[in-house]
Amino acid sequence: MKLCAMRYAGFTWHHNPKSLELSSEKRVLSVEIPYCTDVVKNFGEKELVISGVGELYGEDCFEQYNRLKKLYEDSDASVLCLPNIPAMYAYFKKLKIEAYDKENVLTYSFTFVRENKKSEQKHYTNTYTVKDEKSLWEISAKTDTDINKLIKLNPQLMFIDELKENDGVCIC
C-alpha cells in the first residue's frame, strides 16, 4: 500500500508527522441506584481527536510553520487526509511550536477534531470513470472540481489516494 501524504484544506505536508494518534471514546453514563442494580447507558461516540508531532526542515522552516499557522487561523472544517486512514472532515483545533533545538529543524504539535455531521447520501447521475488516475486529487485537477466537493459526493471511497480503474466518481 502506498503511503499518502497528509493533507488538509489544500495544504500538503512535505514530511508526514513523526507521530500520529487517533483517539475516541464513548459517552457512557453509570448511575448508582440505591437498593437496586447500577444502570449503565451508552450515549454514543465522542468526537475523534487526531493529534501528533511533526518536524519542518530547511532554512525556511519558520515560513513553513507560518503557512501552517495561517491555515490553522483561517480554516473552517475541511477535508483531512491521513496516511492509510479514510479521508474525513475535521477542524484544525491546535497548533504549537514544541522545539527549535536543531538548526533548520522546527518541531511542532497539532490537533484536529473530526466533524461528526453525517453527510446525506444522494444519488448523482454525473459520474467520471477512473482511467489512469490514482487519486481523487488528480480527478479534482482534471475536472476542475473542488476536492472537498468530490469527497462529500463520494462517501463510498474509503481511501481517496487509492482509486481503481473503472471506479465511478460522482463529480456533481
N, C-alpha and C. Protein backbone atom coordinates (compact mmCIF):
# COMPACT_ATOMS: atom_id res chain seq x y z
N MET A 1 0.84 -1.18 0.00
CA MET A 1 0.00 0.00 0.00
C MET A 1 0.89 1.25 0.00
N LYS A 2 0.61 2.16 -0.87
CA LYS A 2 1.37 3.40 -0.97
C LYS A 2 0.97 4.33 0.17
N LEU A 3 1.96 4.87 0.86
CA LEU A 3 1.71 5.79 1.96
C LEU A 3 1.47 7.18 1.40
N CYS A 4 0.25 7.71 1.59
CA CYS A 4 -0.07 9.03 1.04
C CYS A 4 0.44 10.12 1.97
N ALA A 5 0.51 11.31 1.44
CA ALA A 5 0.94 12.46 2.22
C ALA A 5 -0.25 12.99 3.02
N MET A 6 0.02 13.55 4.18
CA MET A 6 -1.02 14.18 4.99
C MET A 6 -1.42 15.48 4.31
N ARG A 7 -2.75 15.71 4.19
CA ARG A 7 -3.26 16.92 3.53
C ARG A 7 -4.43 17.48 4.31
N TYR A 8 -4.55 18.81 4.26
CA TYR A 8 -5.68 19.48 4.89
C TYR A 8 -5.94 20.79 4.16
N ALA A 9 -7.16 20.97 3.69
CA ALA A 9 -7.60 22.22 3.07
C ALA A 9 -6.61 22.72 2.02
N GLY A 10 -6.12 21.81 1.19
CA GLY A 10 -5.22 22.20 0.12
C GLY A 10 -3.75 22.27 0.52
N PHE A 11 -3.42 22.11 1.80
CA PHE A 11 -2.03 22.12 2.27
C PHE A 11 -1.54 20.68 2.33
N THR A 12 -0.37 20.42 1.76
CA THR A 12 0.22 19.09 1.81
C THR A 12 1.49 19.14 2.65
N TRP A 13 1.58 18.23 3.61
CA TRP A 13 2.78 18.14 4.44
C TRP A 13 3.88 17.49 3.60
N HIS A 14 5.04 18.12 3.53
CA HIS A 14 6.15 17.54 2.76
C HIS A 14 6.72 16.32 3.48
N HIS A 15 6.63 16.33 4.81
CA HIS A 15 7.08 15.20 5.63
C HIS A 15 5.93 14.84 6.56
N ASN A 16 5.46 13.60 6.47
CA ASN A 16 4.38 13.19 7.36
C ASN A 16 4.85 13.30 8.81
N PRO A 17 3.91 13.50 9.73
CA PRO A 17 4.28 13.64 11.14
C PRO A 17 5.08 12.45 11.66
N LYS A 18 5.95 12.73 12.67
CA LYS A 18 6.72 11.66 13.31
C LYS A 18 5.80 10.75 14.10
N SER A 19 4.79 11.35 14.72
CA SER A 19 3.83 10.55 15.48
C SER A 19 2.42 11.02 15.16
N LEU A 20 1.48 10.10 15.19
CA LEU A 20 0.09 10.39 14.89
C LEU A 20 -0.77 9.54 15.82
N GLU A 21 -1.70 10.20 16.50
CA GLU A 21 -2.57 9.48 17.43
C GLU A 21 -4.02 9.80 17.12
N LEU A 22 -4.82 8.77 16.99
CA LEU A 22 -6.26 8.93 16.81
C LEU A 22 -6.91 8.38 18.07
N SER A 23 -7.71 9.21 18.72
CA SER A 23 -8.34 8.74 19.95
C SER A 23 -9.81 9.11 19.96
N SER A 24 -10.60 8.18 20.45
CA SER A 24 -12.02 8.42 20.62
C SER A 24 -12.48 7.61 21.82
N GLU A 25 -13.59 8.02 22.36
CA GLU A 25 -14.16 7.29 23.48
C GLU A 25 -15.67 7.40 23.39
N LYS A 26 -16.33 6.57 24.16
CA LYS A 26 -17.79 6.59 24.16
C LYS A 26 -18.30 7.37 25.36
N ARG A 27 -19.48 7.94 25.19
CA ARG A 27 -20.16 8.63 26.30
C ARG A 27 -20.96 7.57 27.05
N VAL A 28 -20.44 7.12 28.14
CA VAL A 28 -21.10 6.09 28.94
C VAL A 28 -21.41 6.69 30.31
N LEU A 29 -22.65 6.58 30.71
CA LEU A 29 -23.09 7.10 32.00
C LEU A 29 -23.50 5.93 32.87
N SER A 30 -22.94 5.92 34.06
CA SER A 30 -23.29 4.88 35.02
C SER A 30 -23.97 5.56 36.21
N VAL A 31 -25.16 5.12 36.53
CA VAL A 31 -25.92 5.70 37.63
C VAL A 31 -26.13 4.62 38.69
N GLU A 32 -25.75 4.96 39.89
CA GLU A 32 -25.94 4.03 41.00
C GLU A 32 -27.28 4.31 41.66
N ILE A 33 -28.14 3.31 41.67
CA ILE A 33 -29.46 3.45 42.26
C ILE A 33 -29.46 2.69 43.59
N PRO A 34 -29.75 3.39 44.67
CA PRO A 34 -29.74 2.71 45.99
C PRO A 34 -30.70 1.53 46.02
N TYR A 35 -30.25 0.45 46.64
CA TYR A 35 -31.04 -0.77 46.82
C TYR A 35 -31.43 -1.42 45.49
N CYS A 36 -30.71 -1.12 44.42
CA CYS A 36 -31.02 -1.66 43.10
C CYS A 36 -29.70 -1.85 42.35
N THR A 37 -29.77 -2.37 41.16
CA THR A 37 -28.56 -2.53 40.36
C THR A 37 -28.19 -1.20 39.68
N ASP A 38 -26.94 -1.08 39.34
CA ASP A 38 -26.50 0.11 38.62
C ASP A 38 -27.09 0.12 37.22
N VAL A 39 -27.32 1.32 36.71
CA VAL A 39 -27.82 1.47 35.35
C VAL A 39 -26.71 2.10 34.52
N VAL A 40 -26.36 1.44 33.42
CA VAL A 40 -25.30 1.93 32.53
C VAL A 40 -25.93 2.20 31.17
N LYS A 41 -25.67 3.38 30.64
CA LYS A 41 -26.25 3.77 29.35
C LYS A 41 -25.14 4.29 28.44
N ASN A 42 -25.13 3.80 27.20
CA ASN A 42 -24.17 4.26 26.19
C ASN A 42 -24.85 5.35 25.36
N PHE A 43 -24.26 6.55 25.36
CA PHE A 43 -24.83 7.67 24.61
C PHE A 43 -24.09 7.94 23.30
N GLY A 44 -23.32 6.98 22.86
CA GLY A 44 -22.64 7.12 21.56
C GLY A 44 -21.20 7.60 21.69
N GLU A 45 -20.59 7.72 20.54
CA GLU A 45 -19.18 8.07 20.48
C GLU A 45 -18.95 9.57 20.57
N LYS A 46 -17.92 9.96 21.32
CA LYS A 46 -17.48 11.36 21.33
C LYS A 46 -16.71 11.62 20.04
N GLU A 47 -16.28 12.85 19.86
CA GLU A 47 -15.56 13.17 18.63
C GLU A 47 -14.22 12.45 18.56
N LEU A 48 -13.78 12.20 17.34
CA LEU A 48 -12.47 11.61 17.09
C LEU A 48 -11.45 12.73 17.13
N VAL A 49 -10.39 12.56 17.90
CA VAL A 49 -9.33 13.55 18.02
C VAL A 49 -8.08 12.99 17.36
N ILE A 50 -7.50 13.78 16.45
CA ILE A 50 -6.30 13.38 15.74
C ILE A 50 -5.20 14.33 16.17
N SER A 51 -4.16 13.81 16.77
CA SER A 51 -3.07 14.67 17.23
C SER A 51 -1.74 14.03 16.86
N GLY A 52 -0.72 14.85 16.85
CA GLY A 52 0.59 14.33 16.51
C GLY A 52 1.68 15.36 16.65
N VAL A 53 2.88 14.92 16.32
CA VAL A 53 4.07 15.76 16.37
C VAL A 53 4.78 15.61 15.04
N GLY A 54 5.21 16.74 14.49
CA GLY A 54 5.92 16.71 13.22
C GLY A 54 7.12 17.63 13.23
N GLU A 55 7.88 17.58 12.16
CA GLU A 55 9.04 18.44 12.03
C GLU A 55 9.02 19.13 10.67
N LEU A 56 9.44 20.37 10.67
CA LEU A 56 9.60 21.14 9.44
C LEU A 56 11.10 21.35 9.25
N TYR A 57 11.58 21.10 8.04
CA TYR A 57 13.01 21.14 7.75
C TYR A 57 13.35 22.26 6.79
N GLY A 58 14.58 22.74 6.88
CA GLY A 58 15.11 23.69 5.91
C GLY A 58 15.27 25.08 6.49
N GLU A 59 15.96 25.91 5.72
CA GLU A 59 16.18 27.29 6.14
C GLU A 59 14.88 28.07 6.27
N ASP A 60 13.84 27.61 5.57
CA ASP A 60 12.55 28.30 5.61
C ASP A 60 11.55 27.62 6.55
N CYS A 61 12.04 26.88 7.56
CA CYS A 61 11.12 26.13 8.42
C CYS A 61 10.13 27.05 9.15
N PHE A 62 10.53 28.28 9.50
CA PHE A 62 9.58 29.21 10.14
C PHE A 62 8.55 29.71 9.13
N GLU A 63 8.96 29.90 7.89
CA GLU A 63 7.99 30.27 6.84
C GLU A 63 6.98 29.15 6.63
N GLN A 64 7.46 27.89 6.63
CA GLN A 64 6.56 26.75 6.51
C GLN A 64 5.58 26.73 7.69
N TYR A 65 6.10 26.97 8.89
CA TYR A 65 5.23 26.99 10.08
C TYR A 65 4.20 28.12 9.97
N ASN A 66 4.60 29.27 9.48
CA ASN A 66 3.67 30.40 9.35
C ASN A 66 2.56 30.09 8.33
N ARG A 67 2.88 29.35 7.26
CA ARG A 67 1.84 28.92 6.31
C ARG A 67 0.86 27.97 7.01
N LEU A 68 1.39 27.08 7.83
CA LEU A 68 0.55 26.16 8.58
C LEU A 68 -0.29 26.92 9.61
N LYS A 69 0.30 27.91 10.24
CA LYS A 69 -0.43 28.71 11.23
C LYS A 69 -1.55 29.51 10.57
N LYS A 70 -1.30 30.05 9.38
CA LYS A 70 -2.35 30.77 8.66
C LYS A 70 -3.50 29.83 8.32
N LEU A 71 -3.19 28.62 7.91
CA LEU A 71 -4.22 27.62 7.64
C LEU A 71 -5.02 27.34 8.92
N TYR A 72 -4.33 27.20 10.03
CA TYR A 72 -4.98 26.98 11.33
C TYR A 72 -5.92 28.14 11.66
N GLU A 73 -5.47 29.36 11.44
CA GLU A 73 -6.27 30.55 11.79
C GLU A 73 -7.45 30.76 10.85
N ASP A 74 -7.29 30.44 9.58
CA ASP A 74 -8.29 30.78 8.57
C ASP A 74 -9.31 29.70 8.28
N SER A 75 -9.00 28.45 8.56
CA SER A 75 -9.85 27.39 8.03
C SER A 75 -11.04 27.06 8.92
N ASP A 76 -12.11 26.69 8.23
CA ASP A 76 -13.28 26.10 8.86
C ASP A 76 -13.09 24.59 8.68
N ALA A 77 -14.08 23.79 8.91
CA ALA A 77 -13.95 22.35 8.69
C ALA A 77 -13.57 22.11 7.23
N SER A 78 -12.62 21.22 7.04
CA SER A 78 -12.17 20.89 5.69
C SER A 78 -11.76 19.43 5.66
N VAL A 79 -11.38 18.96 4.49
CA VAL A 79 -11.01 17.56 4.34
C VAL A 79 -9.61 17.33 4.90
N LEU A 80 -9.50 16.33 5.75
CA LEU A 80 -8.22 15.91 6.32
C LEU A 80 -7.92 14.53 5.77
N CYS A 81 -6.78 14.40 5.13
CA CYS A 81 -6.33 13.11 4.60
C CYS A 81 -5.08 12.70 5.36
N LEU A 82 -5.13 11.51 5.92
CA LEU A 82 -4.01 10.98 6.70
C LEU A 82 -3.51 9.70 6.04
N PRO A 83 -2.26 9.35 6.26
CA PRO A 83 -1.74 8.12 5.68
C PRO A 83 -2.55 6.90 6.13
N ASN A 84 -3.07 6.13 5.18
CA ASN A 84 -3.78 4.87 5.42
C ASN A 84 -5.04 4.98 6.26
N ILE A 85 -5.65 6.14 6.30
CA ILE A 85 -6.89 6.36 7.05
C ILE A 85 -7.88 7.04 6.12
N PRO A 86 -9.14 6.62 6.12
CA PRO A 86 -10.12 7.27 5.23
C PRO A 86 -10.19 8.78 5.47
N ALA A 87 -10.37 9.54 4.39
CA ALA A 87 -10.48 11.00 4.48
C ALA A 87 -11.70 11.36 5.32
N MET A 88 -11.62 12.51 5.99
CA MET A 88 -12.71 12.96 6.86
C MET A 88 -12.73 14.48 6.89
N TYR A 89 -13.87 15.04 7.28
CA TYR A 89 -13.94 16.46 7.54
C TYR A 89 -13.50 16.69 8.97
N ALA A 90 -12.65 17.71 9.17
CA ALA A 90 -12.13 17.97 10.50
C ALA A 90 -11.87 19.46 10.69
N TYR A 91 -11.80 19.85 11.95
CA TYR A 91 -11.43 21.21 12.34
C TYR A 91 -10.00 21.18 12.84
N PHE A 92 -9.22 22.19 12.47
CA PHE A 92 -7.85 22.34 12.93
C PHE A 92 -7.95 23.02 14.30
N LYS A 93 -7.76 22.27 15.37
CA LYS A 93 -8.03 22.76 16.71
C LYS A 93 -6.83 23.39 17.41
N LYS A 94 -5.63 22.85 17.18
CA LYS A 94 -4.47 23.32 17.95
C LYS A 94 -3.20 23.20 17.11
N LEU A 95 -2.32 24.18 17.25
CA LEU A 95 -1.01 24.16 16.60
C LEU A 95 -0.02 24.82 17.56
N LYS A 96 1.11 24.16 17.80
CA LYS A 96 2.05 24.65 18.81
C LYS A 96 3.48 24.32 18.40
N ILE A 97 4.39 25.29 18.56
CA ILE A 97 5.82 25.02 18.36
C ILE A 97 6.32 24.31 19.62
N GLU A 98 6.94 23.17 19.43
CA GLU A 98 7.45 22.38 20.55
C GLU A 98 8.92 22.66 20.81
N ALA A 99 9.72 22.75 19.74
CA ALA A 99 11.16 22.94 19.91
C ALA A 99 11.78 23.47 18.63
N TYR A 100 12.88 24.18 18.84
CA TYR A 100 13.71 24.63 17.74
C TYR A 100 15.15 24.46 18.21
N ASP A 101 15.49 23.19 18.53
CA ASP A 101 16.79 22.93 19.14
C ASP A 101 17.88 22.54 18.15
N LYS A 102 17.50 22.19 16.93
CA LYS A 102 18.47 21.89 15.89
C LYS A 102 18.37 22.97 14.83
N GLU A 103 19.48 23.27 14.19
CA GLU A 103 19.46 24.28 13.14
C GLU A 103 18.60 23.79 11.98
N ASN A 104 17.70 24.64 11.53
CA ASN A 104 16.82 24.38 10.38
C ASN A 104 15.84 23.22 10.60
N VAL A 105 15.51 22.92 11.86
CA VAL A 105 14.51 21.91 12.17
C VAL A 105 13.59 22.48 13.25
N LEU A 106 12.31 22.57 12.95
CA LEU A 106 11.32 23.08 13.89
C LEU A 106 10.34 21.95 14.22
N THR A 107 10.20 21.63 15.48
CA THR A 107 9.27 20.58 15.91
C THR A 107 7.97 21.24 16.37
N TYR A 108 6.85 20.70 15.92
CA TYR A 108 5.54 21.27 16.25
C TYR A 108 4.56 20.15 16.60
N SER A 109 3.50 20.52 17.29
CA SER A 109 2.42 19.57 17.57
C SER A 109 1.12 20.14 17.02
N PHE A 110 0.17 19.26 16.76
CA PHE A 110 -1.11 19.70 16.18
C PHE A 110 -2.23 18.82 16.71
N THR A 111 -3.44 19.34 16.60
CA THR A 111 -4.64 18.58 16.96
C THR A 111 -5.75 18.93 15.98
N PHE A 112 -6.41 17.92 15.47
CA PHE A 112 -7.60 18.07 14.64
C PHE A 112 -8.75 17.35 15.35
N VAL A 113 -9.97 17.81 15.12
CA VAL A 113 -11.16 17.14 15.64
C VAL A 113 -12.08 16.86 14.46
N ARG A 114 -12.46 15.60 14.31
CA ARG A 114 -13.34 15.21 13.20
C ARG A 114 -14.73 15.81 13.39
N GLU A 115 -15.27 16.30 12.28
CA GLU A 115 -16.64 16.80 12.28
C GLU A 115 -17.57 15.59 12.27
N ASN A 116 -18.54 15.56 13.16
CA ASN A 116 -19.39 14.39 13.30
C ASN A 116 -20.67 14.42 12.49
N LYS A 117 -20.90 15.45 11.69
CA LYS A 117 -22.12 15.50 10.89
C LYS A 117 -22.12 14.38 9.88
N LYS A 118 -23.20 13.70 9.78
CA LYS A 118 -23.34 12.65 8.79
C LYS A 118 -23.81 13.29 7.49
N SER A 119 -23.05 13.11 6.42
CA SER A 119 -23.47 13.69 5.14
C SER A 119 -24.60 12.85 4.56
N GLU A 120 -25.54 13.54 3.96
CA GLU A 120 -26.67 12.86 3.36
C GLU A 120 -26.22 12.11 2.12
N GLN A 121 -26.68 10.89 1.99
CA GLN A 121 -26.38 10.10 0.80
C GLN A 121 -27.37 10.50 -0.29
N LYS A 122 -26.86 10.88 -1.43
CA LYS A 122 -27.71 11.24 -2.56
C LYS A 122 -27.27 10.43 -3.77
N HIS A 123 -28.14 10.34 -4.72
CA HIS A 123 -27.79 9.66 -5.96
C HIS A 123 -27.47 10.72 -7.01
N TYR A 124 -26.31 10.59 -7.62
CA TYR A 124 -25.86 11.54 -8.61
C TYR A 124 -25.72 10.84 -9.96
N THR A 125 -26.06 11.55 -10.99
CA THR A 125 -26.01 10.94 -12.31
C THR A 125 -24.75 11.31 -13.08
N ASN A 126 -24.10 12.38 -12.74
CA ASN A 126 -22.93 12.83 -13.46
C ASN A 126 -21.69 12.19 -12.84
N THR A 127 -21.16 11.14 -13.48
CA THR A 127 -20.01 10.45 -12.91
C THR A 127 -18.82 10.49 -13.86
N TYR A 128 -17.67 10.30 -13.28
CA TYR A 128 -16.41 10.24 -14.01
C TYR A 128 -15.86 8.84 -13.81
N THR A 129 -15.45 8.17 -14.87
CA THR A 129 -14.90 6.83 -14.77
C THR A 129 -13.38 6.92 -14.67
N VAL A 130 -12.82 6.32 -13.64
CA VAL A 130 -11.37 6.37 -13.40
C VAL A 130 -10.66 5.61 -14.50
N LYS A 131 -9.64 6.27 -15.06
CA LYS A 131 -8.83 5.64 -16.10
C LYS A 131 -7.40 5.47 -15.57
N ASP A 132 -6.55 6.45 -15.84
CA ASP A 132 -5.15 6.36 -15.40
C ASP A 132 -4.93 7.03 -14.04
N GLU A 133 -5.92 7.76 -13.56
CA GLU A 133 -5.75 8.49 -12.32
C GLU A 133 -5.66 7.51 -11.14
N LYS A 134 -4.88 7.86 -10.16
CA LYS A 134 -4.71 7.01 -8.99
C LYS A 134 -5.32 7.63 -7.73
N SER A 135 -5.75 8.90 -7.82
CA SER A 135 -6.29 9.55 -6.63
C SER A 135 -7.38 10.54 -7.00
N LEU A 136 -8.19 10.86 -6.00
CA LEU A 136 -9.25 11.84 -6.18
C LEU A 136 -8.66 13.23 -6.44
N TRP A 137 -7.46 13.46 -5.94
CA TRP A 137 -6.79 14.75 -6.17
C TRP A 137 -6.55 14.96 -7.66
N GLU A 138 -6.12 13.92 -8.35
CA GLU A 138 -5.87 14.02 -9.79
C GLU A 138 -7.17 14.27 -10.55
N ILE A 139 -8.26 13.60 -10.15
CA ILE A 139 -9.55 13.81 -10.80
C ILE A 139 -10.05 15.22 -10.52
N SER A 140 -9.80 15.72 -9.31
CA SER A 140 -10.17 17.09 -8.97
C SER A 140 -9.50 18.08 -9.91
N ALA A 141 -8.21 17.88 -10.14
CA ALA A 141 -7.47 18.78 -11.03
C ALA A 141 -7.94 18.63 -12.48
N LYS A 142 -8.19 17.40 -12.91
CA LYS A 142 -8.58 17.14 -14.30
C LYS A 142 -9.97 17.68 -14.62
N THR A 143 -10.90 17.58 -13.66
CA THR A 143 -12.28 18.00 -13.91
C THR A 143 -12.56 19.40 -13.37
N ASP A 144 -11.54 20.04 -12.80
CA ASP A 144 -11.68 21.37 -12.22
C ASP A 144 -12.84 21.40 -11.20
N THR A 145 -12.86 20.37 -10.35
CA THR A 145 -13.87 20.25 -9.30
C THR A 145 -13.17 20.28 -7.96
N ASP A 146 -13.71 21.02 -7.01
CA ASP A 146 -13.12 21.16 -5.69
C ASP A 146 -13.01 19.79 -5.01
N ILE A 147 -11.85 19.50 -4.40
CA ILE A 147 -11.62 18.22 -3.75
C ILE A 147 -12.61 17.99 -2.61
N ASN A 148 -12.96 19.04 -1.87
CA ASN A 148 -13.93 18.89 -0.77
C ASN A 148 -15.28 18.43 -1.31
N LYS A 149 -15.68 18.98 -2.45
CA LYS A 149 -16.94 18.60 -3.06
C LYS A 149 -16.90 17.14 -3.50
N LEU A 150 -15.79 16.72 -4.11
CA LEU A 150 -15.67 15.33 -4.56
C LEU A 150 -15.75 14.35 -3.40
N ILE A 151 -15.13 14.69 -2.29
CA ILE A 151 -15.15 13.79 -1.14
C ILE A 151 -16.56 13.71 -0.55
N LYS A 152 -17.25 14.85 -0.50
CA LYS A 152 -18.62 14.87 0.01
C LYS A 152 -19.55 14.06 -0.89
N LEU A 153 -19.33 14.13 -2.21
CA LEU A 153 -20.18 13.42 -3.16
C LEU A 153 -19.88 11.92 -3.24
N ASN A 154 -18.74 11.50 -2.71
CA ASN A 154 -18.32 10.11 -2.86
C ASN A 154 -17.98 9.47 -1.51
N PRO A 155 -18.96 9.36 -0.62
CA PRO A 155 -18.68 8.78 0.70
C PRO A 155 -18.29 7.31 0.62
N GLN A 156 -18.53 6.66 -0.50
CA GLN A 156 -18.20 5.25 -0.65
C GLN A 156 -16.70 5.04 -0.81
N LEU A 157 -15.94 6.09 -1.13
CA LEU A 157 -14.50 5.96 -1.32
C LEU A 157 -13.79 6.02 0.03
N MET A 158 -13.23 4.91 0.44
CA MET A 158 -12.56 4.85 1.74
C MET A 158 -11.21 5.57 1.71
N PHE A 159 -10.43 5.36 0.65
CA PHE A 159 -9.11 5.95 0.55
C PHE A 159 -9.04 6.74 -0.75
N ILE A 160 -8.97 8.05 -0.65
CA ILE A 160 -9.02 8.88 -1.86
C ILE A 160 -7.72 8.84 -2.65
N ASP A 161 -6.67 8.23 -2.10
CA ASP A 161 -5.40 8.13 -2.82
C ASP A 161 -5.22 6.77 -3.48
N GLU A 162 -6.24 5.91 -3.43
CA GLU A 162 -6.11 4.58 -4.00
C GLU A 162 -7.35 4.21 -4.80
N LEU A 163 -7.54 4.84 -5.93
CA LEU A 163 -8.67 4.53 -6.79
C LEU A 163 -8.30 3.41 -7.75
N LYS A 164 -9.29 2.63 -8.11
CA LYS A 164 -9.07 1.54 -9.06
C LYS A 164 -9.63 1.93 -10.42
N GLU A 165 -9.04 1.37 -11.45
CA GLU A 165 -9.51 1.63 -12.81
C GLU A 165 -10.97 1.21 -12.93
N ASN A 166 -11.76 2.02 -13.62
CA ASN A 166 -13.19 1.82 -13.86
C ASN A 166 -14.07 2.14 -12.65
N ASP A 167 -13.49 2.64 -11.54
CA ASP A 167 -14.32 3.14 -10.44
C ASP A 167 -15.13 4.33 -10.94
N GLY A 168 -16.35 4.47 -10.50
CA GLY A 168 -17.16 5.63 -10.83
C GLY A 168 -17.05 6.68 -9.75
N VAL A 169 -16.76 7.92 -10.12
CA VAL A 169 -16.63 9.02 -9.18
C VAL A 169 -17.66 10.08 -9.53
N CYS A 170 -18.54 10.39 -8.59
CA CYS A 170 -19.55 11.46 -8.81
C CYS A 170 -18.83 12.80 -8.81
N ILE A 171 -19.11 13.62 -9.81
CA ILE A 171 -18.46 14.93 -9.87
C ILE A 171 -19.43 16.10 -9.70
N CYS A 172 -20.74 15.86 -9.73
CA CYS A 172 -21.69 16.93 -9.44
C CYS A 172 -23.02 16.35 -9.03
